[in-house]
Amino acid sequence: MSADDAMKIDYTMVLKQLQGELDGIDDRRQALLASIAAIKRLVEPNEREQEELYLPRAGVADSTVRMPVIPPDFFRGKTPTQAYRDLMRVWPGHYRAPQIADLFAQGGLASTGTRTTLVQAIHSVLKRERKRAAGASIVTGG
């Protein structure tokens, strides 16, 4: 092996390393953006955001639900169904699918498609969870 062979750079390896570093920066940037947005809403909510914090529950005129502030990595590595169940366990409430999509993004749920695809997936989760809840109430007699 000559000195020239030893000095050759494996550009494929360098490219993979650089891409890995960039992916790490993108993940960190998303986490920071979610944290900044959450803290901004707490520190300096504007009038529109203040209105969005309190959303009426479907069918109940007097009740309101406060939109939670989700930690940046709370939903990381979870499926939409797992994330929804965790959302309902920790922050129960009546949320519309687009609001859930925003909360999932805030919590770091990895979405492989567009926002529309995520909202559609959430609609499917909501439908399954309603059927699941209806089945549980029939079994328990409630």
Protein backbone atom coordinates (compact mmCIF):
# COMPACT_ATOMS: atom_id res chain seq x y z
CA MET A 1 0.00 0.00 0.00
CA SER A 2 1.49 3.30 -1.07
CA ALA A 3 1.31 6.59 0.79
CA ASP A 4 -1.15 7.86 -1.85
CA ASP A 5 -3.53 4.96 -1.14
CA ALA A 6 -3.38 5.67 2.59
CA MET A 7 -4.15 9.36 1.99
CA LYS A 8 -7.30 8.75 -0.08
CA ILE A 9 -10.43 10.06 1.56
CA ASP A 10 -13.53 7.91 1.72
CA TYR A 11 -16.00 10.61 0.68
CA THR A 12 -18.94 8.30 1.29
CA MET A 13 -17.92 7.98 4.95
CA VAL A 14 -17.41 11.75 5.23
CA LEU A 15 -20.82 12.38 3.63
CA LYS A 16 -22.54 9.99 6.08
CA GLN A 17 -20.79 11.64 9.02
CA LEU A 18 -21.76 15.13 7.89
CA GLN A 19 -25.37 14.04 7.26
CA GLY A 20 -25.51 12.52 10.75
CA GLU A 21 -24.25 15.75 12.28
CA LEU A 22 -26.80 17.76 10.28
CA ASP A 23 -29.64 15.45 11.34
CA GLY A 24 -28.59 15.94 14.96
CA ILE A 25 -28.64 19.71 14.50
CA ASP A 26 -32.10 19.55 12.88
CA ASP A 27 -33.45 17.49 15.80
CA ARG A 28 -31.95 19.90 18.30
CA ARG A 29 -33.33 22.87 16.34
CA GLN A 30 -36.85 21.39 16.38
CA ALA A 31 -36.62 20.79 20.14
CA LEU A 32 -35.42 24.35 20.72
CA LEU A 33 -38.18 25.80 18.52
CA ALA A 34 -40.83 23.85 20.43
CA SER A 35 -39.40 24.99 23.77
CA ILE A 36 -39.24 28.61 22.63
CA ALA A 37 -42.82 28.51 21.35
CA ALA A 38 -44.08 27.00 24.60
CA ILE A 39 -42.27 29.49 26.79
CA LYS A 40 -43.32 32.42 24.58
CA ARG A 41 -46.96 31.42 25.05
CA LEU A 42 -46.45 31.42 28.81
CA VAL A 43 -44.49 34.66 28.98
CA GLU A 44 -46.07 36.84 26.33
CA PRO A 45 -49.32 35.42 24.99
CA ASN A 46 -50.92 37.70 22.43
CA GLU A 47 -54.67 38.17 22.19
CA ARG A 48 -55.19 35.50 19.51
CA GLU A 49 -53.10 32.92 21.40
CA GLN A 50 -54.98 33.76 24.58
CA GLU A 51 -58.26 32.98 22.79
CA GLU A 52 -56.84 29.70 21.46
CA LEU A 53 -55.82 28.56 24.95
CA TYR A 54 -59.46 28.07 25.91
CA LEU A 55 -61.47 25.97 23.50
CA PRO A 56 -65.07 24.89 24.07
CA ARG A 57 -65.74 21.19 24.53
CA ALA A 58 -68.04 19.69 21.96
CA GLY A 59 -71.61 19.67 23.23
CA VAL A 60 -70.83 21.40 26.53
CA ALA A 61 -71.31 25.16 26.43
CA ASP A 62 -69.84 25.99 29.86
CA SER A 63 -66.70 23.86 29.83
CA THR A 64 -63.36 24.90 28.39
CA VAL A 65 -60.14 22.99 27.92
CA ARG A 66 -56.72 24.61 28.22
CA MET A 67 -54.22 23.63 25.56
CA PRO A 68 -51.24 22.00 27.30
CA VAL A 69 -47.59 22.84 26.77
CA ILE A 70 -45.92 19.59 25.75
CA PRO A 71 -42.22 18.94 26.57
CA PRO A 72 -40.14 18.78 23.35
CA ASP A 73 -39.36 15.02 23.35
CA PHE A 74 -42.49 13.74 25.10
CA PHE A 75 -43.83 11.92 22.02
CA ARG A 76 -40.49 11.03 20.40
CA GLY A 77 -40.41 7.45 19.10
CA LYS A 78 -44.13 6.86 19.63
CA THR A 79 -46.84 5.98 17.16
CA PRO A 80 -49.82 8.35 16.83
CA THR A 81 -51.94 5.89 18.85
CA GLN A 82 -49.39 5.68 21.67
CA ALA A 83 -48.97 9.46 21.62
CA TYR A 84 -52.74 10.01 21.74
CA ARG A 85 -53.15 7.66 24.70
CA ASP A 86 -50.32 9.42 26.54
CA LEU A 87 -51.86 12.81 25.73
CA MET A 88 -55.22 11.70 27.14
CA ARG A 89 -53.57 10.15 30.20
CA VAL A 90 -51.51 13.23 31.10
CA TRP A 91 -53.58 16.09 29.61
CA PRO A 92 -57.15 14.81 29.17
CA GLY A 93 -59.47 16.97 27.14
CA HIS A 94 -61.47 17.25 23.96
CA TYR A 95 -59.08 18.27 21.17
CA ARG A 96 -59.72 18.53 17.45
CA ALA A 97 -57.43 16.56 15.14
CA PRO A 98 -55.45 19.64 13.94
CA GLN A 99 -54.86 20.65 17.57
CA ILE A 100 -53.62 17.15 18.36
CA ALA A 101 -51.28 17.36 15.35
CA ASP A 102 -49.86 20.61 16.75
CA LEU A 103 -49.42 19.03 20.18
CA PHE A 104 -47.73 15.98 18.65
CA ALA A 105 -45.34 18.21 16.68
CA GLN A 106 -44.63 20.22 19.83
CA GLY A 107 -43.85 16.95 21.62
CA GLY A 108 -41.46 15.70 18.95
CA LEU A 109 -43.59 13.02 17.28
CA ALA A 110 -41.79 12.02 14.09
CA SER A 111 -44.12 12.38 11.13
CA THR A 112 -43.11 10.64 7.93
CA GLY A 113 -45.47 12.62 5.73
CA THR A 114 -47.16 15.98 5.52
CA ARG A 115 -49.28 17.64 8.17
CA THR A 116 -52.37 16.50 6.24
CA THR A 117 -51.18 12.89 6.48
CA LEU A 118 -50.66 13.30 10.23
CA VAL A 119 -54.15 14.81 10.70
CA GLN A 120 -55.65 11.91 8.73
CA ALA A 121 -53.77 9.44 10.92
CA ILE A 122 -55.10 11.23 14.01
CA HIS A 123 -58.67 10.98 12.67
CA SER A 124 -58.13 7.21 12.34
CA VAL A 125 -56.78 7.03 15.89
CA LEU A 126 -59.77 9.00 17.22
CA LYS A 127 -62.20 6.68 15.43
CA ARG A 128 -60.48 3.56 16.83
CA GLU A 129 -60.28 5.02 20.33
CA ARG A 130 -64.00 5.89 20.28
CA LYS A 131 -64.82 2.31 19.27
CA ARG A 132 -62.48 1.02 21.98
CA ALA A 133 -64.13 3.23 24.61
CA ALA A 134 -67.61 2.20 23.47
CA GLY A 135 -66.64 -1.47 23.74
CA ALA A 136 -65.22 -0.93 27.23
CA SER A 137 -68.40 0.80 28.40
CA ILE A 138 -70.53 -2.08 27.10
CA VAL A 139 -68.34 -4.61 28.94
CA THR A 140 -68.37 -2.62 32.20
CA GLY A 141 -72.02 -1.67 31.86
CA GLY A 142 -71.22 2.06 31.99
